[in-house]
Protein backbone atom coordinates (compact mmCIF):
# COMPACT_ATOMS: atom_id res chain seq x y z
CA MET A 1 -152.00 -40.36 54.91
CA GLN A 2 -151.32 -38.64 51.59
CA GLY A 3 -148.12 -37.12 52.98
CA TYR A 4 -147.02 -40.50 54.20
CA THR A 5 -147.63 -42.03 50.80
CA ARG A 6 -145.49 -39.41 49.05
CA ARG A 7 -142.70 -39.89 51.53
CA GLN A 8 -142.97 -43.64 51.18
CA LEU A 9 -142.85 -43.36 47.40
CA LYS A 10 -139.66 -41.28 47.58
CA GLN A 11 -138.08 -43.82 49.90
CA ASP A 12 -139.13 -46.69 47.67
CA LYS A 13 -137.74 -44.85 44.61
CA PHE A 14 -134.42 -44.22 46.36
CA ALA A 15 -134.23 -47.81 47.52
CA GLN A 16 -134.99 -49.08 44.03
CA THR A 17 -132.36 -46.76 42.49
CA ALA A 18 -129.75 -47.93 44.99
CA GLN A 19 -130.69 -51.54 44.34
CA ASP A 20 -130.42 -51.02 40.57
CA ALA A 21 -127.01 -49.38 40.98
CA ALA A 22 -125.80 -52.21 43.16
CA GLN A 23 -127.06 -54.77 40.68
CA TRP A 24 -125.41 -52.91 37.77
CA THR A 25 -122.12 -52.71 39.66
CA ALA A 26 -122.28 -56.40 40.49
CA SER A 27 -123.03 -57.37 36.90
CA HIS A 28 -120.32 -55.07 35.58
CA GLN A 29 -117.83 -55.63 38.39
CA ARG A 30 -115.02 -56.76 36.12
CA SER A 31 -115.30 -53.76 33.79
CA VAL A 32 -115.61 -51.36 36.75
CA ILE A 33 -112.46 -52.78 38.35
CA LEU A 34 -110.60 -52.64 35.06
CA SER A 35 -111.64 -49.01 34.59
CA ILE A 36 -110.44 -48.10 38.07
CA VAL A 37 -107.16 -49.94 37.51
CA ALA A 38 -106.70 -48.16 34.18
CA VAL A 39 -107.18 -44.76 35.83
CA VAL A 40 -104.74 -45.63 38.62
CA VAL A 41 -102.14 -46.95 36.16
CA ALA A 42 -102.51 -43.81 34.01
CA ALA A 43 -102.04 -41.60 37.07
CA ILE A 44 -98.94 -43.56 38.09
CA ALA A 45 -97.57 -43.36 34.54
CA ILE A 46 -98.12 -39.61 34.36
CA GLY A 47 -96.54 -39.11 37.76
CA GLY A 48 -93.62 -41.32 36.77
CA TYR A 49 -93.09 -39.41 33.53
CA ILE A 50 -93.16 -36.05 35.32
CA PHE A 51 -90.59 -37.33 37.82
CA TRP A 52 -88.41 -38.81 35.06
CA HIS A 53 -88.65 -35.65 32.96
CA SER A 54 -87.71 -33.45 35.92
CA ARG A 55 -84.78 -35.70 36.81
CA TYR A 56 -83.69 -35.90 33.15
CA ASN A 57 -83.64 -32.12 32.80
CA GLU A 58 -81.84 -31.73 36.11
CA GLN A 59 -79.08 -34.09 34.98
CA ALA A 60 -78.90 -32.33 31.61
CA ASN A 61 -78.48 -28.94 33.26
CA VAL A 62 -75.70 -30.24 35.50
CA ALA A 63 -73.87 -31.75 32.52
CA LEU A 64 -74.29 -28.58 30.47
CA GLY A 65 -72.97 -26.48 33.35
CA ALA A 66 -69.84 -28.63 33.59
CA ALA A 67 -69.19 -28.30 29.85
CA MET A 68 -69.69 -24.54 30.00
CA ARG A 69 -67.14 -24.28 32.81
CA THR A 70 -64.64 -25.97 30.51
CA PHE A 71 -65.51 -23.53 27.73
CA ASP A 72 -65.06 -20.58 30.09
CA LYS A 73 -61.81 -21.84 31.61
CA PRO A 74 -59.00 -19.26 31.26
CA LEU A 75 -55.87 -19.75 29.23
CA ARG A 76 -52.62 -20.57 30.98
CA PRO A 77 -50.21 -17.69 31.49
CA ALA A 78 -47.07 -17.93 29.39
CA GLY A 79 -44.49 -20.20 30.99
CA THR A 80 -47.02 -22.21 32.99
CA SER A 81 -46.56 -25.96 32.87
CA ALA A 82 -49.08 -27.89 30.78
CA THR A 83 -49.26 -30.51 33.56
CA ASP A 84 -50.90 -27.96 35.83
CA THR A 85 -54.51 -28.72 34.85
CA ASP A 86 -55.91 -26.06 37.17
CA ALA A 87 -54.00 -23.34 35.33
CA GLY A 88 -56.23 -23.50 32.25
CA PHE A 89 -55.67 -24.28 28.59
CA GLY A 90 -52.65 -23.43 26.48
CA SER A 91 -54.65 -21.92 23.59
CA LEU A 92 -58.12 -21.13 22.33
CA VAL A 93 -57.90 -24.09 19.96
CA GLU A 94 -57.06 -26.46 22.80
CA ARG A 95 -59.92 -25.14 24.90
CA GLY A 96 -62.32 -25.26 21.96
CA LYS A 97 -61.53 -28.91 21.26
CA ALA A 98 -62.00 -29.90 24.90
CA ALA A 99 -65.30 -28.00 25.21
CA GLN A 100 -66.56 -29.32 21.87
CA LYS A 101 -66.08 -32.89 23.09
CA GLU A 102 -67.97 -32.20 26.33
CA PHE A 103 -70.82 -30.35 24.62
CA ALA A 104 -71.18 -33.20 22.12
CA ALA A 105 -71.49 -35.71 24.96
CA VAL A 106 -74.24 -33.65 26.61
CA ALA A 107 -76.11 -33.14 23.34
CA ASP A 108 -75.96 -36.84 22.48
CA LYS A 109 -77.10 -38.02 25.90
CA PHE A 110 -79.79 -35.41 26.53
CA HIS A 111 -80.93 -34.56 23.00
CA PHE A 112 -84.62 -34.53 24.02
CA SER A 113 -84.06 -31.72 26.54
CA LYS A 114 -83.61 -27.98 26.21
CA PRO A 115 -80.10 -28.16 27.76
CA GLY A 116 -79.24 -30.85 25.21
CA LYS A 117 -80.30 -28.60 22.33
CA ILE A 118 -78.29 -25.71 23.78
CA ALA A 119 -75.30 -28.05 24.12
CA ARG A 120 -75.53 -28.89 20.41
CA TYR A 121 -75.44 -25.19 19.53
CA LEU A 122 -72.47 -24.61 21.84
CA GLU A 123 -70.72 -27.63 20.36
CA GLY A 124 -70.79 -25.78 17.04
CA VAL A 125 -69.48 -22.58 18.65
CA ALA A 126 -66.67 -24.54 20.30
CA ALA A 127 -65.81 -26.14 16.96
CA MET A 128 -65.43 -22.64 15.52
CA GLN A 129 -63.05 -21.76 18.33
CA ALA A 130 -61.14 -24.97 17.68
CA GLY A 131 -60.70 -23.90 14.05
CA ASP A 132 -62.78 -26.71 12.53
CA ASN A 133 -65.09 -24.64 10.35
CA ALA A 134 -66.49 -27.60 8.41
CA ALA A 135 -67.57 -29.35 11.61
CA ALA A 136 -68.87 -26.05 13.02
CA GLU A 137 -71.09 -25.47 10.01
CA ARG A 138 -72.48 -29.00 10.09
CA ILE A 139 -73.19 -28.89 13.83
CA LEU A 140 -74.71 -25.40 13.77
CA LYS A 141 -77.01 -26.40 10.92
CA GLN A 142 -78.10 -29.36 13.02
CA ALA A 143 -78.79 -27.04 15.97
CA ALA A 144 -80.68 -24.65 13.70
CA GLY A 145 -82.99 -27.53 12.77
CA SER A 146 -83.53 -28.72 16.34
CA GLY A 147 -87.16 -27.61 16.46
CA ASP A 148 -86.49 -25.17 19.30
CA LYS A 149 -86.80 -21.77 17.63
CA ASP A 150 -84.91 -19.90 20.36
CA VAL A 151 -81.89 -22.21 20.17
CA ALA A 152 -82.20 -22.34 16.38
CA SER A 153 -81.95 -18.57 16.07
CA LEU A 154 -78.77 -18.52 18.19
CA ALA A 155 -77.31 -21.20 15.94
CA GLN A 156 -78.23 -19.11 12.88
CA VAL A 157 -76.41 -16.08 14.29
CA ALA A 158 -73.34 -18.25 14.87
CA LEU A 159 -73.65 -19.57 11.31
CA ALA A 160 -73.82 -16.02 9.97
CA ASN A 161 -70.67 -15.13 11.90
CA LEU A 162 -68.95 -18.23 10.52
CA TYR A 163 -69.96 -17.34 6.98
CA ARG A 164 -68.78 -13.77 7.44
CA ALA A 165 -65.43 -14.92 8.84
CA THR A 166 -64.91 -17.23 5.87
CA ASN A 167 -65.81 -14.63 3.21
CA ARG A 168 -69.26 -16.04 2.50
CA ASN A 169 -71.11 -12.77 2.92
CA SER A 170 -74.01 -13.72 0.67
CA ASP A 171 -74.77 -16.73 2.91
CA ALA A 172 -74.46 -14.59 6.03
CA ILE A 173 -76.83 -11.98 4.58
CA ARG A 174 -79.37 -14.66 3.68
CA VAL A 175 -79.36 -16.07 7.21
CA LEU A 176 -79.61 -12.66 8.89
CA LYS A 177 -82.45 -11.51 6.64
CA ASP A 178 -84.37 -14.63 7.62
CA LEU A 179 -83.71 -13.90 11.30
CA ALA A 180 -84.90 -10.31 10.91
CA ASP A 181 -88.10 -11.59 9.30
CA HIS A 182 -88.61 -14.27 11.98
CA PRO A 183 -87.41 -12.84 15.32
CA THR A 184 -87.40 -14.93 18.50
CA GLN A 185 -86.96 -14.34 22.22
CA THR A 186 -83.22 -14.90 21.88
CA VAL A 187 -82.60 -12.95 18.67
CA SER A 188 -84.75 -9.88 18.04
CA LYS A 189 -85.39 -8.24 14.69
CA VAL A 190 -83.16 -5.29 15.53
CA GLN A 191 -80.28 -7.55 16.65
CA ALA A 192 -80.36 -9.31 13.29
CA GLN A 193 -80.56 -5.94 11.51
CA ILE A 194 -77.49 -4.60 13.32
CA GLU A 195 -75.52 -7.70 12.35
CA LEU A 196 -76.76 -7.35 8.79
CA ALA A 197 -75.87 -3.66 8.61
CA GLY A 198 -72.38 -4.54 9.82
CA ILE A 199 -71.89 -6.71 6.75
CA TYR A 200 -73.34 -4.08 4.45
CA GLU A 201 -70.80 -1.53 5.73
CA SER A 202 -68.13 -3.23 3.63
CA THR A 203 -70.26 -4.68 0.83
CA ASP A 204 -72.98 -2.06 0.28
CA PRO A 205 -72.49 1.19 2.29
CA GLN A 206 -75.71 2.75 0.99
CA GLN A 207 -77.68 -0.28 2.15
CA ALA A 208 -75.95 -0.07 5.53
CA THR A 209 -76.93 3.59 5.87
CA ALA A 210 -80.54 2.87 4.97
CA LEU A 211 -80.70 0.03 7.46
CA TYR A 212 -79.18 2.08 10.28
CA GLN A 213 -81.72 4.83 9.57
CA GLN A 214 -84.52 2.27 9.71
CA ILE A 215 -83.20 0.99 13.04
CA GLN A 216 -83.22 4.53 14.43
CA LYS A 217 -86.75 5.15 13.23
CA GLU A 218 -88.22 1.88 14.49
CA ASN A 219 -86.33 1.77 17.80
CA PRO A 220 -86.10 5.32 19.18
CA LYS A 221 -84.39 5.91 22.52
CA THR A 222 -82.92 2.42 22.67
CA PRO A 223 -79.33 1.10 22.73
CA ALA A 224 -79.89 -0.11 19.16
CA ALA A 225 -80.74 3.43 18.06
CA GLN A 226 -77.60 4.71 19.77
CA ILE A 227 -75.49 2.15 17.91
CA ALA A 228 -77.11 3.17 14.63
CA ALA A 229 -76.55 6.86 15.36
CA SER A 230 -72.89 6.19 16.14
CA LYS A 231 -72.45 4.35 12.86
CA LEU A 232 -74.22 7.06 10.90
CA SER A 233 -72.08 9.77 12.43
CA GLY A 234 -68.92 7.96 11.38
CA LYS A 235 -68.02 6.67 14.85
CA GLY A 236 -67.95 3.13 16.16
CA GLY A 237 -65.16 1.89 13.91
CA GLN A 238 -66.40 3.39 10.63
């Protein structure tokens, strides 16, 4: 009889708990339904965003690829008709202008994506090839401030090359020193140092020597060390 009473008590407790839960659900039915709807809507929204983001990046990559094919298109052989569009461009300037326009379109349309940020950087590079240094500097500075450190560092290297080509060595040195102090996956410390040493070769040979020696010491048995050794031995264009 005692065993029966315990079992009965458990059953009564379970029944009461179930009844209480049912009553609570009934009294809170509206809030329960709203909560379920909110969860479902959130799940749909997240799924929709993931789909949109994937599609957005896919379209951006396709557009970037098309622009890069323009940038890589060969120049026409001498004597080839300009009406033959498959033969390539007549000059680097012509190709640079065409590629710059395409990269700009990709960067403007897909500026939230990684391909869009890369397109902005390449727009600046194309502007350099087109001979528009003022536009190149403005665009590359924009790419350097994109918030993507890997793309930004590539833009900084391009800026340094632009500064060096336009006799602004002090600006180029400033940019490269910053890159050496803040390396990224796309531009390592030693890459920035080699570029920097190249400038010092003509502006401060002693500084160039010291930097090449540092590169050798910090990067033994690497291609960078071989480049430094070649420079120090008087080879490699010295």
